[in-house]
Each structure stands twice: as structure tokens, then as C-alpha cells.
Amino acid sequence: MNDLESAIPNEPPAQASELKVLQDEYPQVVEKYMPQDLKDSPKPVYAVDVGCGFALATKAITDFVGENIHYRGIDTKPLMGAKAWNEDLKGQVVFENADATQREPLGENNDLIIIRNPDVFGSIQHVLSSGGITNEWKKILLNSLESLRTGGYLFLTTHAKNELEAILEFLPKDKTKEIIPLGLIDPSLQSKYQIREVVIALLQKV
């Protein structure tokens, strides 16, 4: 989740305008980088947003997939903000308090797992950290991958290149295929929409 999302359980009025800016960024990112075979899907699409925070990407994702999306946003933190920022959405949308270090909450045969800006090094200084991925995030990443159906997608964004490099190095190579390899989000989108995510990857389970 975005740092601003994780900092406060419910948005004070002073933060609302910045949260709205963040929410308005996501349609452009989703349209450009989400799997195109999920767009306006005629079949049910099961998606889990891990560590969803305020779920500011949810509207963009549900609009992209359409009425057949079954979306679950899960987080260990309070989700009142996520519900407040996501009303009248397409498809079936549920927000749940759940711990993704446990396998069961993620379910089975998901088509899409979204993980945005995980603090995989376990430090607010993660951009400069040279340490490895925390055990907590190792569990979350492996559980997320296992919960996907064969051919399902893992959509990742981070604030720093070394974070995503560590994730891709950790995930088993024999179970994933890079659809969009590690790379910068389109600089034109970043400058136009003030996008905070910097690096992105899209993996497919094989």
C-alpha cells in the first residue's frame, strides 16, 4: 500500500485531497499494465488485493475488469477508509481483516493478486536498505503465488527498484513467468499524474 495509506487508519480531512489524487492516478496505470485478457472479462475474475489499505486502486481495477470481478481487499489494519473510498463499484467487492501470512485467507484459484508498495525490508528506510526480505513478507509472497490458478497473475508495484528486484529474486523461477519484467512505470504517466509507484512487474503463474 502507499505510505500515506498505511500511516493513518482513517483519513483526516487534510489528507482527503491527496488521497483523491492517488485514487485518480490508478486508471492510467491499470489500463497500461494490467493483463489485457482480464479487461471487460465475460467470465468471473477472482482478485485479491493484499495489504489493500484505503484500496485506492480498487475502483480502477473493478472498472477495468467489469461486472464479473469478484474482488477482495484484505489487510490487518482497520478498513473503514477502504469502504468509504469505494462505493458503487462494479462487480462484487468485499473488504476483510485478514492476515496474508496465513494461507487460508487468500483462498484458491485466484485470477489476480495485487500487491502495491510492500515494505518488504521491514524498515521505513527500505529504499536505502540492503537487507533481505522479512520472513513475514516471504510468507505473504509465497502464499499469494500459491493462491493463484495456473495462468493467474501477480501484479506488483514498489517505490524502489531494489525492493522489486528482491521480490523477483525470491519468488521461484520455475513457477513464474515475467509478462512485464521489472521496469519503471511510464515516466509520462508519473509526471502527468504524480504517480508514487516507481517500479512495476507483472508475473504469471506457470
N, C-alpha and C. Protein backbone atom coordinates (compact mmCIF):
# COMPACT_ATOMS: atom_id res chain seq x y z
N MET A 1 0.84 -1.18 0.00
CA MET A 1 0.00 0.00 0.00
C MET A 1 0.88 1.23 0.00
N ASN A 2 0.30 2.36 -0.38
CA ASN A 2 1.04 3.60 -0.38
C ASN A 2 1.36 4.03 1.03
N ASP A 3 2.51 4.72 1.22
CA ASP A 3 2.90 5.16 2.56
C ASP A 3 1.83 6.00 3.23
N LEU A 4 1.17 6.87 2.48
CA LEU A 4 0.12 7.69 3.04
C LEU A 4 -1.03 6.82 3.52
N GLU A 5 -1.36 5.79 2.77
CA GLU A 5 -2.45 4.90 3.15
C GLU A 5 -2.13 4.18 4.44
N SER A 6 -0.88 3.76 4.61
CA SER A 6 -0.52 2.96 5.78
C SER A 6 -0.31 3.80 7.03
N ALA A 7 -0.20 5.10 6.87
CA ALA A 7 0.16 5.95 8.00
C ALA A 7 -1.00 6.19 8.96
N ILE A 8 -2.23 6.17 8.45
CA ILE A 8 -3.37 6.53 9.28
C ILE A 8 -4.52 5.57 9.00
N PRO A 9 -5.28 5.12 10.05
CA PRO A 9 -6.37 4.17 9.84
C PRO A 9 -7.56 4.78 9.12
N ASN A 10 -7.82 6.04 9.31
CA ASN A 10 -8.91 6.74 8.63
C ASN A 10 -8.42 8.13 8.27
N GLU A 11 -8.81 8.60 7.08
CA GLU A 11 -8.23 9.84 6.59
C GLU A 11 -8.80 11.06 7.30
N PRO A 12 -7.96 11.92 7.88
CA PRO A 12 -8.45 13.21 8.35
C PRO A 12 -8.74 14.09 7.16
N PRO A 13 -9.56 15.13 7.33
CA PRO A 13 -9.92 15.99 6.19
C PRO A 13 -8.72 16.53 5.42
N ALA A 14 -7.64 16.85 6.13
CA ALA A 14 -6.47 17.43 5.46
C ALA A 14 -5.83 16.47 4.48
N GLN A 15 -6.05 15.16 4.69
CA GLN A 15 -5.44 14.15 3.81
C GLN A 15 -6.35 13.76 2.66
N ALA A 16 -7.62 14.15 2.71
CA ALA A 16 -8.58 13.65 1.73
C ALA A 16 -8.23 14.04 0.30
N SER A 17 -7.77 15.27 0.11
CA SER A 17 -7.48 15.71 -1.26
C SER A 17 -6.31 14.94 -1.84
N GLU A 18 -5.31 14.64 -1.02
CA GLU A 18 -4.17 13.88 -1.53
C GLU A 18 -4.56 12.43 -1.81
N LEU A 19 -5.41 11.87 -0.98
CA LEU A 19 -5.90 10.52 -1.25
C LEU A 19 -6.69 10.48 -2.56
N LYS A 20 -7.47 11.53 -2.82
CA LYS A 20 -8.23 11.59 -4.07
C LYS A 20 -7.28 11.66 -5.27
N VAL A 21 -6.19 12.40 -5.14
CA VAL A 21 -5.18 12.46 -6.21
C VAL A 21 -4.62 11.07 -6.46
N LEU A 22 -4.29 10.35 -5.37
CA LEU A 22 -3.78 9.00 -5.52
C LEU A 22 -4.77 8.09 -6.22
N GLN A 23 -6.03 8.18 -5.82
CA GLN A 23 -7.06 7.33 -6.43
C GLN A 23 -7.21 7.63 -7.91
N ASP A 24 -7.10 8.88 -8.27
CA ASP A 24 -7.27 9.28 -9.67
C ASP A 24 -6.10 8.85 -10.56
N GLU A 25 -4.97 8.49 -9.94
CA GLU A 25 -3.82 8.04 -10.71
C GLU A 25 -4.02 6.65 -11.32
N TYR A 26 -4.74 5.80 -10.59
CA TYR A 26 -4.68 4.39 -10.90
C TYR A 26 -5.30 3.95 -12.22
N PRO A 27 -6.36 4.60 -12.74
CA PRO A 27 -6.89 4.13 -14.02
C PRO A 27 -5.84 4.08 -15.13
N GLN A 28 -4.94 5.06 -15.16
CA GLN A 28 -3.92 5.09 -16.20
C GLN A 28 -2.92 3.95 -16.03
N VAL A 29 -2.54 3.67 -14.79
CA VAL A 29 -1.61 2.57 -14.53
C VAL A 29 -2.26 1.22 -14.85
N VAL A 30 -3.49 1.05 -14.39
CA VAL A 30 -4.20 -0.21 -14.61
C VAL A 30 -4.41 -0.46 -16.10
N GLU A 31 -4.84 0.56 -16.83
CA GLU A 31 -5.10 0.40 -18.26
C GLU A 31 -3.83 0.00 -19.02
N LYS A 32 -2.70 0.53 -18.60
CA LYS A 32 -1.45 0.28 -19.32
C LYS A 32 -0.78 -1.04 -18.93
N TYR A 33 -0.90 -1.44 -17.66
CA TYR A 33 -0.08 -2.55 -17.17
C TYR A 33 -0.85 -3.79 -16.72
N MET A 34 -2.15 -3.71 -16.52
CA MET A 34 -2.90 -4.90 -16.13
C MET A 34 -3.02 -5.87 -17.31
N PRO A 35 -3.19 -7.16 -17.03
CA PRO A 35 -3.35 -8.14 -18.12
C PRO A 35 -4.56 -7.81 -18.98
N GLN A 36 -4.35 -7.69 -20.27
CA GLN A 36 -5.43 -7.27 -21.15
C GLN A 36 -6.50 -8.34 -21.32
N ASP A 37 -6.16 -9.60 -21.05
CA ASP A 37 -7.18 -10.64 -21.18
C ASP A 37 -8.19 -10.60 -20.03
N LEU A 38 -7.93 -9.77 -19.02
CA LEU A 38 -8.89 -9.60 -17.93
C LEU A 38 -9.82 -8.41 -18.16
N LYS A 39 -9.54 -7.60 -19.16
CA LYS A 39 -10.33 -6.40 -19.40
C LYS A 39 -11.73 -6.78 -19.89
N ASP A 40 -12.75 -6.19 -19.24
CA ASP A 40 -14.16 -6.45 -19.60
C ASP A 40 -14.40 -7.95 -19.75
N SER A 41 -13.92 -8.70 -18.77
CA SER A 41 -13.97 -10.16 -18.86
C SER A 41 -15.40 -10.70 -18.91
N PRO A 42 -15.68 -11.60 -19.87
CA PRO A 42 -17.00 -12.22 -19.90
C PRO A 42 -17.15 -13.32 -18.86
N LYS A 43 -16.02 -13.72 -18.25
CA LYS A 43 -16.03 -14.78 -17.24
C LYS A 43 -15.70 -14.19 -15.87
N PRO A 44 -16.07 -14.88 -14.79
CA PRO A 44 -15.72 -14.40 -13.46
C PRO A 44 -14.21 -14.26 -13.29
N VAL A 45 -13.79 -13.18 -12.65
CA VAL A 45 -12.39 -12.93 -12.35
C VAL A 45 -12.27 -12.76 -10.83
N TYR A 46 -11.47 -13.62 -10.21
CA TYR A 46 -11.30 -13.59 -8.76
C TYR A 46 -9.97 -12.90 -8.45
N ALA A 47 -10.07 -11.78 -7.72
CA ALA A 47 -8.90 -10.94 -7.45
C ALA A 47 -8.79 -10.68 -5.96
N VAL A 48 -7.56 -10.67 -5.46
CA VAL A 48 -7.29 -10.34 -4.06
C VAL A 48 -6.24 -9.24 -4.03
N ASP A 49 -6.55 -8.15 -3.33
CA ASP A 49 -5.65 -7.03 -3.13
C ASP A 49 -5.05 -7.19 -1.74
N VAL A 50 -3.78 -7.59 -1.67
CA VAL A 50 -3.13 -7.93 -0.41
C VAL A 50 -2.54 -6.67 0.22
N GLY A 51 -2.94 -6.39 1.48
CA GLY A 51 -2.50 -5.16 2.14
C GLY A 51 -3.12 -3.96 1.46
N CYS A 52 -4.43 -3.99 1.29
CA CYS A 52 -5.12 -3.03 0.42
C CYS A 52 -5.14 -1.61 0.96
N GLY A 53 -4.99 -1.43 2.29
CA GLY A 53 -5.02 -0.08 2.85
C GLY A 53 -6.35 0.61 2.56
N PHE A 54 -6.30 1.83 2.02
CA PHE A 54 -7.51 2.55 1.64
C PHE A 54 -8.09 2.03 0.32
N ALA A 55 -7.41 1.03 -0.28
CA ALA A 55 -7.90 0.42 -1.52
C ALA A 55 -8.12 1.46 -2.61
N LEU A 56 -7.16 2.34 -2.78
CA LEU A 56 -7.32 3.43 -3.75
C LEU A 56 -7.22 2.96 -5.19
N ALA A 57 -6.73 1.74 -5.41
CA ALA A 57 -6.68 1.19 -6.76
C ALA A 57 -7.92 0.38 -7.10
N THR A 58 -8.80 0.17 -6.14
CA THR A 58 -9.91 -0.75 -6.33
C THR A 58 -10.86 -0.32 -7.43
N LYS A 59 -11.25 0.94 -7.46
CA LYS A 59 -12.19 1.40 -8.48
C LYS A 59 -11.60 1.22 -9.88
N ALA A 60 -10.32 1.55 -10.04
CA ALA A 60 -9.68 1.39 -11.34
C ALA A 60 -9.68 -0.07 -11.77
N ILE A 61 -9.41 -0.98 -10.83
CA ILE A 61 -9.35 -2.41 -11.16
C ILE A 61 -10.73 -2.96 -11.49
N THR A 62 -11.73 -2.59 -10.69
CA THR A 62 -13.08 -3.11 -10.95
C THR A 62 -13.66 -2.52 -12.24
N ASP A 63 -13.35 -1.27 -12.54
CA ASP A 63 -13.79 -0.69 -13.82
C ASP A 63 -13.13 -1.39 -14.99
N PHE A 64 -11.87 -1.76 -14.83
CA PHE A 64 -11.10 -2.42 -15.90
C PHE A 64 -11.66 -3.82 -16.19
N VAL A 65 -11.90 -4.58 -15.14
CA VAL A 65 -12.37 -5.96 -15.32
C VAL A 65 -13.86 -6.00 -15.65
N GLY A 66 -14.64 -5.14 -15.00
CA GLY A 66 -16.07 -5.09 -15.28
C GLY A 66 -16.91 -5.83 -14.26
N GLU A 67 -18.16 -6.07 -14.63
CA GLU A 67 -19.16 -6.60 -13.69
C GLU A 67 -18.84 -8.00 -13.19
N ASN A 68 -17.99 -8.73 -13.87
CA ASN A 68 -17.70 -10.12 -13.48
C ASN A 68 -16.56 -10.25 -12.48
N ILE A 69 -16.08 -9.15 -11.96
CA ILE A 69 -15.00 -9.24 -10.98
C ILE A 69 -15.54 -9.62 -9.60
N HIS A 70 -14.81 -10.48 -8.92
CA HIS A 70 -15.05 -10.81 -7.52
C HIS A 70 -13.79 -10.36 -6.79
N TYR A 71 -13.86 -9.19 -6.20
CA TYR A 71 -12.68 -8.54 -5.63
C TYR A 71 -12.72 -8.61 -4.12
N ARG A 72 -11.58 -9.00 -3.53
CA ARG A 72 -11.43 -8.97 -2.07
C ARG A 72 -10.21 -8.15 -1.71
N GLY A 73 -10.43 -7.13 -0.89
CA GLY A 73 -9.32 -6.36 -0.34
C GLY A 73 -9.09 -6.81 1.08
N ILE A 74 -7.85 -7.24 1.38
CA ILE A 74 -7.58 -7.73 2.73
C ILE A 74 -6.43 -6.94 3.35
N ASP A 75 -6.52 -6.76 4.66
CA ASP A 75 -5.48 -6.03 5.38
C ASP A 75 -5.65 -6.37 6.87
N THR A 76 -4.56 -6.26 7.61
CA THR A 76 -4.64 -6.48 9.05
C THR A 76 -5.06 -5.21 9.78
N LYS A 77 -5.05 -4.08 9.08
CA LYS A 77 -5.40 -2.79 9.69
C LYS A 77 -6.87 -2.47 9.45
N PRO A 78 -7.43 -1.50 10.19
CA PRO A 78 -8.84 -1.14 10.01
C PRO A 78 -9.15 -0.77 8.56
N LEU A 79 -10.35 -1.13 8.12
CA LEU A 79 -10.72 -0.97 6.71
C LEU A 79 -11.86 0.02 6.49
N MET A 80 -12.17 0.84 7.49
CA MET A 80 -13.25 1.80 7.31
C MET A 80 -12.94 2.75 6.16
N GLY A 81 -11.68 3.16 6.05
CA GLY A 81 -11.29 4.05 4.96
C GLY A 81 -11.49 3.42 3.60
N ALA A 82 -11.13 2.13 3.47
CA ALA A 82 -11.31 1.43 2.20
C ALA A 82 -12.77 1.42 1.78
N LYS A 83 -13.65 1.16 2.73
CA LYS A 83 -15.08 1.11 2.41
C LYS A 83 -15.60 2.49 2.05
N ALA A 84 -15.11 3.52 2.74
CA ALA A 84 -15.58 4.88 2.47
C ALA A 84 -15.15 5.36 1.09
N TRP A 85 -13.97 4.94 0.64
CA TRP A 85 -13.45 5.40 -0.64
C TRP A 85 -13.91 4.55 -1.82
N ASN A 86 -14.70 3.52 -1.55
CA ASN A 86 -15.09 2.61 -2.62
C ASN A 86 -16.56 2.25 -2.51
N GLU A 87 -17.40 3.14 -3.02
CA GLU A 87 -18.84 2.90 -3.05
C GLU A 87 -19.31 2.80 -4.50
N ASP A 88 -20.37 2.07 -4.71
CA ASP A 88 -20.99 1.94 -6.04
C ASP A 88 -20.00 1.43 -7.08
N LEU A 89 -19.31 0.35 -6.74
CA LEU A 89 -18.34 -0.23 -7.65
C LEU A 89 -18.96 -1.34 -8.49
N LYS A 90 -18.33 -1.61 -9.63
CA LYS A 90 -18.76 -2.73 -10.45
C LYS A 90 -18.38 -4.05 -9.78
N GLY A 91 -19.16 -5.09 -10.08
CA GLY A 91 -18.83 -6.42 -9.60
C GLY A 91 -19.12 -6.61 -8.13
N GLN A 92 -18.56 -7.67 -7.58
CA GLN A 92 -18.71 -7.99 -6.16
C GLN A 92 -17.43 -7.60 -5.44
N VAL A 93 -17.54 -6.72 -4.47
CA VAL A 93 -16.38 -6.18 -3.77
C VAL A 93 -16.57 -6.37 -2.27
N VAL A 94 -15.55 -6.95 -1.63
CA VAL A 94 -15.58 -7.21 -0.20
C VAL A 94 -14.25 -6.78 0.40
N PHE A 95 -14.30 -6.14 1.57
CA PHE A 95 -13.09 -5.80 2.32
C PHE A 95 -13.10 -6.59 3.62
N GLU A 96 -11.96 -7.22 3.91
CA GLU A 96 -11.90 -8.11 5.07
C GLU A 96 -10.61 -7.87 5.85
N ASN A 97 -10.71 -7.94 7.18
CA ASN A 97 -9.50 -8.00 8.00
C ASN A 97 -8.98 -9.44 7.97
N ALA A 98 -7.81 -9.60 7.41
CA ALA A 98 -7.23 -10.93 7.28
C ALA A 98 -5.71 -10.82 7.22
N ASP A 99 -5.05 -11.89 7.61
CA ASP A 99 -3.59 -11.93 7.68
C ASP A 99 -3.07 -12.83 6.56
N ALA A 100 -2.40 -12.23 5.58
CA ALA A 100 -1.93 -12.98 4.42
C ALA A 100 -0.67 -13.80 4.72
N THR A 101 -0.12 -13.68 5.95
CA THR A 101 0.94 -14.62 6.31
C THR A 101 0.36 -16.01 6.54
N GLN A 102 -0.96 -16.07 6.69
CA GLN A 102 -1.66 -17.35 6.77
C GLN A 102 -2.20 -17.69 5.38
N ARG A 103 -2.16 -18.94 5.04
CA ARG A 103 -2.54 -19.35 3.68
C ARG A 103 -4.05 -19.26 3.43
N GLU A 104 -4.85 -19.63 4.39
CA GLU A 104 -6.30 -19.78 4.18
C GLU A 104 -7.01 -18.50 3.71
N PRO A 105 -6.71 -17.31 4.28
CA PRO A 105 -7.46 -16.11 3.87
C PRO A 105 -7.36 -15.76 2.39
N LEU A 106 -6.32 -16.23 1.71
CA LEU A 106 -6.14 -15.88 0.30
C LEU A 106 -7.00 -16.72 -0.63
N GLY A 107 -7.50 -17.83 -0.15
CA GLY A 107 -8.37 -18.65 -0.98
C GLY A 107 -7.58 -19.46 -2.00
N GLU A 108 -8.31 -19.91 -3.04
CA GLU A 108 -7.73 -20.79 -4.05
C GLU A 108 -8.12 -20.30 -5.45
N ASN A 109 -7.28 -20.65 -6.42
CA ASN A 109 -7.59 -20.44 -7.84
C ASN A 109 -7.93 -18.99 -8.18
N ASN A 110 -7.21 -18.06 -7.58
CA ASN A 110 -7.41 -16.66 -7.92
C ASN A 110 -6.85 -16.37 -9.32
N ASP A 111 -7.49 -15.43 -9.99
CA ASP A 111 -7.02 -14.98 -11.30
C ASP A 111 -6.00 -13.86 -11.19
N LEU A 112 -6.07 -13.10 -10.08
CA LEU A 112 -5.23 -11.92 -9.95
C LEU A 112 -4.94 -11.63 -8.49
N ILE A 113 -3.66 -11.43 -8.17
CA ILE A 113 -3.24 -10.94 -6.86
C ILE A 113 -2.56 -9.60 -7.07
N ILE A 114 -2.96 -8.60 -6.30
CA ILE A 114 -2.36 -7.27 -6.39
C ILE A 114 -1.59 -7.00 -5.10
N ILE A 115 -0.33 -6.61 -5.23
CA ILE A 115 0.47 -6.20 -4.07
C ILE A 115 1.14 -4.88 -4.44
N ARG A 116 0.71 -3.82 -3.75
CA ARG A 116 1.23 -2.48 -4.05
C ARG A 116 2.11 -1.98 -2.91
N ASN A 117 3.33 -1.66 -3.24
CA ASN A 117 4.24 -0.97 -2.33
C ASN A 117 4.46 -1.68 -0.99
N PRO A 118 4.77 -2.97 -1.02
CA PRO A 118 5.02 -3.68 0.25
C PRO A 118 6.34 -3.23 0.86
N ASP A 119 6.38 -3.12 2.18
CA ASP A 119 7.60 -2.76 2.89
C ASP A 119 8.38 -4.05 3.15
N VAL A 120 8.91 -4.64 2.09
CA VAL A 120 9.47 -5.99 2.18
C VAL A 120 10.74 -6.07 3.02
N PHE A 121 11.42 -4.95 3.22
CA PHE A 121 12.62 -4.95 4.04
C PHE A 121 12.31 -4.63 5.50
N GLY A 122 11.05 -4.32 5.80
CA GLY A 122 10.65 -4.12 7.18
C GLY A 122 11.22 -2.89 7.84
N SER A 123 11.41 -1.82 7.07
CA SER A 123 12.01 -0.61 7.62
C SER A 123 11.50 0.59 6.86
N ILE A 124 11.28 1.69 7.57
CA ILE A 124 10.88 2.90 6.86
C ILE A 124 12.03 3.43 6.01
N GLN A 125 13.22 2.87 6.22
CA GLN A 125 14.38 3.24 5.41
C GLN A 125 14.59 2.22 4.29
N HIS A 126 13.48 1.58 3.85
CA HIS A 126 13.61 0.44 2.92
C HIS A 126 14.25 0.82 1.60
N VAL A 127 14.14 2.06 1.16
CA VAL A 127 14.72 2.45 -0.12
C VAL A 127 16.24 2.33 -0.08
N LEU A 128 16.81 2.56 1.10
CA LEU A 128 18.25 2.51 1.23
C LEU A 128 18.74 1.17 1.80
N SER A 129 17.81 0.32 2.19
CA SER A 129 18.18 -0.91 2.86
C SER A 129 18.87 -1.88 1.91
N SER A 130 19.85 -2.58 2.44
CA SER A 130 20.49 -3.64 1.67
C SER A 130 20.14 -5.00 2.26
N GLY A 131 19.24 -5.01 3.23
CA GLY A 131 18.86 -6.26 3.88
C GLY A 131 17.93 -7.08 3.01
N GLY A 132 17.65 -8.30 3.48
CA GLY A 132 16.79 -9.19 2.73
C GLY A 132 15.33 -8.98 3.07
N ILE A 133 14.47 -9.71 2.38
CA ILE A 133 13.03 -9.66 2.61
C ILE A 133 12.72 -10.25 3.99
N THR A 134 11.82 -9.62 4.72
CA THR A 134 11.45 -10.12 6.03
C THR A 134 10.73 -11.47 5.90
N ASN A 135 10.77 -12.26 6.96
CA ASN A 135 10.09 -13.55 6.95
C ASN A 135 8.59 -13.38 6.74
N GLU A 136 8.03 -12.31 7.30
CA GLU A 136 6.61 -12.04 7.11
C GLU A 136 6.27 -11.89 5.64
N TRP A 137 7.06 -11.08 4.92
CA TRP A 137 6.76 -10.86 3.51
C TRP A 137 7.11 -12.08 2.65
N LYS A 138 8.05 -12.88 3.07
CA LYS A 138 8.31 -14.13 2.35
C LYS A 138 7.07 -15.02 2.39
N LYS A 139 6.45 -15.11 3.56
CA LYS A 139 5.23 -15.91 3.70
C LYS A 139 4.11 -15.34 2.82
N ILE A 140 3.94 -14.02 2.86
CA ILE A 140 2.87 -13.38 2.08
C ILE A 140 3.07 -13.60 0.59
N LEU A 141 4.29 -13.44 0.11
CA LEU A 141 4.57 -13.61 -1.32
C LEU A 141 4.33 -15.04 -1.76
N LEU A 142 4.80 -16.01 -0.98
CA LEU A 142 4.60 -17.42 -1.36
C LEU A 142 3.14 -17.81 -1.26
N ASN A 143 2.45 -17.36 -0.22
CA ASN A 143 1.01 -17.65 -0.11
C ASN A 143 0.24 -17.05 -1.27
N SER A 144 0.61 -15.84 -1.66
CA SER A 144 -0.06 -15.17 -2.78
C SER A 144 0.13 -15.97 -4.07
N LEU A 145 1.35 -16.39 -4.32
CA LEU A 145 1.63 -17.16 -5.52
C LEU A 145 0.88 -18.50 -5.51
N GLU A 146 0.88 -19.16 -4.38
CA GLU A 146 0.19 -20.45 -4.27
C GLU A 146 -1.31 -20.32 -4.46
N SER A 147 -1.85 -19.17 -4.10
CA SER A 147 -3.31 -19.00 -4.20
C SER A 147 -3.79 -18.76 -5.63
N LEU A 148 -2.87 -18.49 -6.54
CA LEU A 148 -3.24 -18.26 -7.94
C LEU A 148 -3.51 -19.57 -8.67
N ARG A 149 -4.44 -19.54 -9.59
CA ARG A 149 -4.58 -20.66 -10.52
C ARG A 149 -3.40 -20.64 -11.48
N THR A 150 -3.14 -21.75 -12.14
CA THR A 150 -2.14 -21.75 -13.19
C THR A 150 -2.59 -20.79 -14.29
N GLY A 151 -1.73 -19.88 -14.65
CA GLY A 151 -2.10 -18.84 -15.61
C GLY A 151 -2.57 -17.56 -14.97
N GLY A 152 -2.73 -17.57 -13.62
CA GLY A 152 -3.14 -16.36 -12.92
C GLY A 152 -1.99 -15.38 -12.81
N TYR A 153 -2.30 -14.14 -12.43
CA TYR A 153 -1.34 -13.04 -12.48
C TYR A 153 -1.03 -12.48 -11.10
N LEU A 154 0.24 -12.09 -10.93
CA LEU A 154 0.69 -11.37 -9.74
C LEU A 154 1.16 -10.00 -10.20
N PHE A 155 0.43 -8.97 -9.76
CA PHE A 155 0.68 -7.58 -10.16
C PHE A 155 1.38 -6.87 -9.02
N LEU A 156 2.59 -6.37 -9.25
CA LEU A 156 3.43 -5.81 -8.20
C LEU A 156 3.86 -4.39 -8.53
N THR A 157 3.81 -3.51 -7.55
CA THR A 157 4.46 -2.20 -7.68
C THR A 157 5.23 -1.92 -6.39
N THR A 158 6.34 -1.21 -6.53
CA THR A 158 7.11 -0.79 -5.36
C THR A 158 7.61 0.64 -5.57
N HIS A 159 8.09 1.23 -4.47
CA HIS A 159 8.64 2.59 -4.53
C HIS A 159 10.09 2.60 -4.99
N ALA A 160 10.77 1.47 -4.91
CA ALA A 160 12.20 1.45 -5.21
C ALA A 160 12.57 0.19 -5.97
N LYS A 161 13.53 0.32 -6.86
CA LYS A 161 13.94 -0.79 -7.72
C LYS A 161 14.49 -1.96 -6.91
N ASN A 162 15.26 -1.67 -5.85
CA ASN A 162 15.86 -2.78 -5.11
C ASN A 162 14.81 -3.61 -4.37
N GLU A 163 13.66 -3.01 -4.04
CA GLU A 163 12.58 -3.78 -3.42
C GLU A 163 12.03 -4.81 -4.40
N LEU A 164 11.73 -4.37 -5.61
CA LEU A 164 11.15 -5.29 -6.58
C LEU A 164 12.18 -6.31 -7.05
N GLU A 165 13.43 -5.91 -7.16
CA GLU A 165 14.50 -6.87 -7.50
C GLU A 165 14.56 -7.99 -6.46
N ALA A 166 14.44 -7.62 -5.19
CA ALA A 166 14.48 -8.63 -4.12
C ALA A 166 13.29 -9.58 -4.21
N ILE A 167 12.10 -9.04 -4.52
CA ILE A 167 10.91 -9.88 -4.66
C ILE A 167 11.08 -10.86 -5.81
N LEU A 168 11.52 -10.37 -6.96
CA LEU A 168 11.65 -11.23 -8.14
C LEU A 168 12.75 -12.27 -7.94
N GLU A 169 13.78 -11.91 -7.20
CA GLU A 169 14.85 -12.87 -6.90
C GLU A 169 14.35 -13.95 -5.96
N PHE A 170 13.45 -13.58 -5.04
CA PHE A 170 12.95 -14.53 -4.05
C PHE A 170 11.92 -15.50 -4.64
N LEU A 171 11.03 -15.04 -5.48
CA LEU A 171 9.97 -15.89 -6.00
C LEU A 171 10.55 -17.00 -6.87
N PRO A 172 10.02 -18.22 -6.75
CA PRO A 172 10.59 -19.35 -7.50
C PRO A 172 10.46 -19.16 -9.01
N LYS A 173 11.58 -19.27 -9.69
CA LYS A 173 11.61 -19.03 -11.15
C LYS A 173 10.83 -20.08 -11.92
N ASP A 174 10.76 -21.30 -11.38
CA ASP A 174 10.06 -22.37 -12.11
C ASP A 174 8.55 -22.28 -11.99
N LYS A 175 8.06 -21.31 -11.19
CA LYS A 175 6.61 -21.17 -11.01
C LYS A 175 6.08 -19.85 -11.54
N THR A 176 6.96 -19.03 -12.09
CA THR A 176 6.53 -17.72 -12.57
C THR A 176 7.14 -17.41 -13.93
N LYS A 177 6.41 -16.62 -14.69
CA LYS A 177 6.89 -16.11 -15.97
C LYS A 177 6.65 -14.61 -15.98
N GLU A 178 7.67 -13.84 -16.38
CA GLU A 178 7.54 -12.39 -16.40
C GLU A 178 6.79 -11.97 -17.66
N ILE A 179 5.64 -11.32 -17.46
CA ILE A 179 4.87 -10.77 -18.58
C ILE A 179 5.33 -9.34 -18.83
N ILE A 180 5.39 -8.55 -17.77
CA ILE A 180 6.04 -7.24 -17.81
C ILE A 180 7.22 -7.35 -16.85
N PRO A 181 8.45 -7.39 -17.36
CA PRO A 181 9.59 -7.50 -16.46
C PRO A 181 9.77 -6.23 -15.66
N LEU A 182 10.59 -6.35 -14.63
CA LEU A 182 10.86 -5.20 -13.78
C LEU A 182 11.23 -3.99 -14.62
N GLY A 183 10.55 -2.89 -14.38
CA GLY A 183 10.84 -1.68 -15.13
C GLY A 183 10.14 -0.48 -14.53
N LEU A 184 10.54 0.68 -14.98
CA LEU A 184 9.93 1.91 -14.49
C LEU A 184 8.53 2.06 -15.06
N ILE A 185 7.62 2.55 -14.23
CA ILE A 185 6.33 2.97 -14.75
C ILE A 185 6.57 4.12 -15.72
N ASP A 186 5.83 4.13 -16.79
CA ASP A 186 5.97 5.12 -17.86
C ASP A 186 6.21 6.51 -17.28
N PRO A 187 7.38 7.11 -17.53
CA PRO A 187 7.68 8.43 -16.97
C PRO A 187 6.64 9.49 -17.32
N SER A 188 6.02 9.37 -18.49
CA SER A 188 5.00 10.36 -18.86
C SER A 188 3.78 10.26 -17.94
N LEU A 189 3.44 9.02 -17.51
CA LEU A 189 2.35 8.87 -16.55
C LEU A 189 2.76 9.42 -15.19
N GLN A 190 4.00 9.15 -14.80
CA GLN A 190 4.46 9.64 -13.50
C GLN A 190 4.39 11.16 -13.41
N SER A 191 4.85 11.83 -14.47
CA SER A 191 4.88 13.29 -14.42
C SER A 191 3.49 13.89 -14.54
N LYS A 192 2.64 13.27 -15.36
CA LYS A 192 1.31 13.83 -15.59
C LYS A 192 0.40 13.61 -14.40
N TYR A 193 0.49 12.43 -13.79
CA TYR A 193 -0.45 12.07 -12.74
C TYR A 193 0.20 12.00 -11.35
N GLN A 194 1.48 12.38 -11.22
CA GLN A 194 2.17 12.39 -9.94
C GLN A 194 2.15 11.01 -9.28
N ILE A 195 2.37 9.99 -10.07
CA ILE A 195 2.29 8.62 -9.58
C ILE A 195 3.42 8.32 -8.61
N ARG A 196 3.09 7.77 -7.45
CA ARG A 196 4.09 7.48 -6.43
C ARG A 196 4.80 6.17 -6.69
N GLU A 197 4.08 5.16 -7.21
CA GLU A 197 4.76 3.93 -7.56
C GLU A 197 5.81 4.22 -8.62
N VAL A 198 6.96 3.58 -8.50
CA VAL A 198 8.06 3.85 -9.41
C VAL A 198 8.36 2.64 -10.30
N VAL A 199 8.32 1.46 -9.70
CA VAL A 199 8.73 0.25 -10.41
C VAL A 199 7.56 -0.73 -10.43
N ILE A 200 7.47 -1.50 -11.51
CA ILE A 200 6.32 -2.37 -11.70
C ILE A 200 6.74 -3.69 -12.32
N ALA A 201 6.02 -4.76 -12.03
CA ALA A 201 6.22 -6.03 -12.70
C ALA A 201 4.90 -6.78 -12.73
N LEU A 202 4.71 -7.58 -13.77
CA LEU A 202 3.54 -8.44 -13.89
C LEU A 202 4.04 -9.85 -14.14
N LEU A 203 3.71 -10.76 -13.24
CA LEU A 203 4.12 -12.15 -13.35
C LEU A 203 2.91 -13.04 -13.59
N GLN A 204 3.15 -14.15 -14.26
CA GLN A 204 2.10 -15.15 -14.47
C GLN A 204 2.54 -16.47 -13.87
N LYS A 205 1.65 -17.11 -13.16
CA LYS A 205 1.97 -18.42 -12.57
C LYS A 205 1.97 -19.49 -13.65
N VAL A 206 2.99 -20.32 -13.66
CA VAL A 206 3.09 -21.40 -14.65
C VAL A 206 3.07 -22.75 -13.96
